[in-house]
């Protein structure tokens, strides 16, 4: 795995063999860790809580209306 840090301290990790993005995480991994769902090969037992960073979504994508949407990661979402 290779990780690259952004200007605000977060990181993106990629597979060393194929380059697939595996996860994103904050400087403090206990605060924020996002695993790319396409990398999982087992059924998921959890449901999404929210759509985050919707300002950068594709113009053709309509987020599911059953959960809240946010322009950025809200502080209280992780509670």
C-alpha atoms as a PDB file:
ATOM      1  CA  UNK A   1       0.000   0.000   0.000  1.00  0.00           C
ATOM      2  CA  UNK A   2       1.209   3.519  -0.807  1.00  0.00           C
ATOM      3  CA  UNK A   3      -0.236   6.567   0.917  1.00  0.00           C
ATOM      4  CA  UNK A   4      -0.115  10.194  -0.153  1.00  0.00           C
ATOM      5  CA  UNK A   5      -0.824  13.069   2.221  1.00  0.00           C
ATOM      6  CA  UNK A   6      -2.822  16.133   1.184  1.00  0.00           C
ATOM      7  CA  UNK A   7      -2.224  19.735   2.252  1.00  0.00           C
ATOM      8  CA  UNK A   8      -4.582  19.539   5.269  1.00  0.00           C
ATOM      9  CA  UNK A   9      -3.078  16.353   6.764  1.00  0.00           C
ATOM     10  CA  UNK A  10      -5.413  13.703   5.365  1.00  0.00           C
ATOM     11  CA  UNK A  11      -4.180  10.793   3.290  1.00  0.00           C
ATOM     12  CA  UNK A  12      -5.286   8.562   0.425  1.00  0.00           C
ATOM     13  CA  UNK A  13      -3.972   5.014   0.252  1.00  0.00           C
ATOM     14  CA  UNK A  14      -3.555   3.021  -2.952  1.00  0.00           C
ATOM     15  CA  UNK A  15      -2.712  -0.607  -3.781  1.00  0.00           C
ATOM     16  CA  UNK A  16       1.009  -0.939  -4.529  1.00  0.00           C
ATOM     17  CA  UNK A  17       0.312  -3.504  -7.273  1.00  0.00           C
ATOM     18  CA  UNK A  18      -2.612  -2.115  -9.272  1.00  0.00           C
ATOM     19  CA  UNK A  19      -3.029   1.481  -8.075  1.00  0.00           C
ATOM     20  CA  UNK A  20      -6.645   1.074  -6.908  1.00  0.00           C
ATOM     21  CA  UNK A  21      -7.626   3.587  -4.237  1.00  0.00           C
ATOM     22  CA  UNK A  22      -8.251   1.666  -1.018  1.00  0.00           C
ATOM     23  CA  UNK A  23      -9.065   4.262   1.621  1.00  0.00           C
ATOM     24  CA  UNK A  24      -8.939   7.865   2.773  1.00  0.00           C
ATOM     25  CA  UNK A  25      -8.129   8.847   6.339  1.00  0.00           C
ATOM     26  CA  UNK A  26      -7.469  11.885   8.476  1.00  0.00           C
ATOM     27  CA  UNK A  27      -4.279  12.709  10.329  1.00  0.00           C
ATOM     28  CA  UNK A  28      -5.885  11.023  13.357  1.00  0.00           C
ATOM     29  CA  UNK A  29      -7.127   7.705  11.916  1.00  0.00           C
ATOM     30  CA  UNK A  30      -9.418   7.190  14.929  1.00  0.00           C
ATOM     31  CA  UNK A  31     -11.393  10.283  13.870  1.00  0.00           C
ATOM     32  CA  UNK A  32     -11.968   9.568  10.176  1.00  0.00           C
ATOM     33  CA  UNK A  33     -11.431   6.526   7.977  1.00  0.00           C
ATOM     34  CA  UNK A  34     -13.257   5.918   4.692  1.00  0.00           C
ATOM     35  CA  UNK A  35     -12.832   2.545   3.003  1.00  0.00           C
ATOM     36  CA  UNK A  36     -13.657   2.342  -0.697  1.00  0.00           C
ATOM     37  CA  UNK A  37     -16.687   0.008  -0.837  1.00  0.00           C
ATOM     38  CA  UNK A  38     -15.594  -1.480  -4.179  1.00  0.00           C
ATOM     39  CA  UNK A  39     -12.599  -3.075  -2.425  1.00  0.00           C
ATOM     40  CA  UNK A  40     -14.800  -5.193  -0.114  1.00  0.00           C
ATOM     41  CA  UNK A  41     -15.762  -8.722  -1.084  1.00  0.00           C
ATOM     42  CA  UNK A  42     -18.164  -9.574   1.753  1.00  0.00           C
ATOM     43  CA  UNK A  43     -21.749  -8.431   2.387  1.00  0.00           C
ATOM     44  CA  UNK A  44     -21.961  -5.155   4.294  1.00  0.00           C
ATOM     45  CA  UNK A  45     -23.977  -5.104   7.516  1.00  0.00           C
ATOM     46  CA  UNK A  46     -24.145  -1.318   7.842  1.00  0.00           C
ATOM     47  CA  UNK A  47     -25.945   1.418   5.980  1.00  0.00           C
ATOM     48  CA  UNK A  48     -24.693   4.866   4.970  1.00  0.00           C
ATOM     49  CA  UNK A  49     -25.450   7.728   7.370  1.00  0.00           C
ATOM     50  CA  UNK A  50     -25.034  10.616   4.924  1.00  0.00           C
ATOM     51  CA  UNK A  51     -23.727  11.861   1.594  1.00  0.00           C
ATOM     52  CA  UNK A  52     -20.593  13.985   2.118  1.00  0.00           C
ATOM     53  CA  UNK A  53     -18.873  16.422  -0.248  1.00  0.00           C
ATOM     54  CA  UNK A  54     -21.886  16.594  -2.554  1.00  0.00           C
ATOM     55  CA  UNK A  55     -20.572  19.822  -4.097  1.00  0.00           C
ATOM     56  CA  UNK A  56     -18.149  17.708  -6.131  1.00  0.00           C
ATOM     57  CA  UNK A  57     -20.570  14.973  -7.224  1.00  0.00           C
ATOM     58  CA  UNK A  58     -21.102  14.225 -10.902  1.00  0.00           C
ATOM     59  CA  UNK A  59     -23.818  16.401 -12.440  1.00  0.00           C
ATOM     60  CA  UNK A  60     -25.824  13.308 -13.441  1.00  0.00           C
ATOM     61  CA  UNK A  61     -25.749  11.707  -9.957  1.00  0.00           C
ATOM     62  CA  UNK A  62     -28.770  12.118  -7.685  1.00  0.00           C
ATOM     63  CA  UNK A  63     -27.968  11.137  -4.059  1.00  0.00           C
ATOM     64  CA  UNK A  64     -30.451   8.896  -2.267  1.00  0.00           C
ATOM     65  CA  UNK A  65     -32.988  11.183  -0.583  1.00  0.00           C
ATOM     66  CA  UNK A  66     -33.410   8.964   2.515  1.00  0.00           C
ATOM     67  CA  UNK A  67     -30.239  10.269   4.213  1.00  0.00           C
ATOM     68  CA  UNK A  68     -28.865  13.804   4.694  1.00  0.00           C
ATOM     69  CA  UNK A  69     -26.408  15.443   2.280  1.00  0.00           C
ATOM     70  CA  UNK A  70     -23.541  17.753   3.273  1.00  0.00           C
ATOM     71  CA  UNK A  71     -21.116  20.006   1.396  1.00  0.00           C
ATOM     72  CA  UNK A  72     -18.297  18.870   3.731  1.00  0.00           C
ATOM     73  CA  UNK A  73     -17.814  16.390   6.586  1.00  0.00           C
ATOM     74  CA  UNK A  74     -19.923  17.695   9.486  1.00  0.00           C
ATOM     75  CA  UNK A  75     -18.446  17.407  12.993  1.00  0.00           C
ATOM     76  CA  UNK A  76     -21.463  15.591  14.456  1.00  0.00           C
ATOM     77  CA  UNK A  77     -21.699  12.904  11.749  1.00  0.00           C
ATOM     78  CA  UNK A  78     -19.104  10.711  13.476  1.00  0.00           C
ATOM     79  CA  UNK A  79     -20.931  10.677  16.836  1.00  0.00           C
END
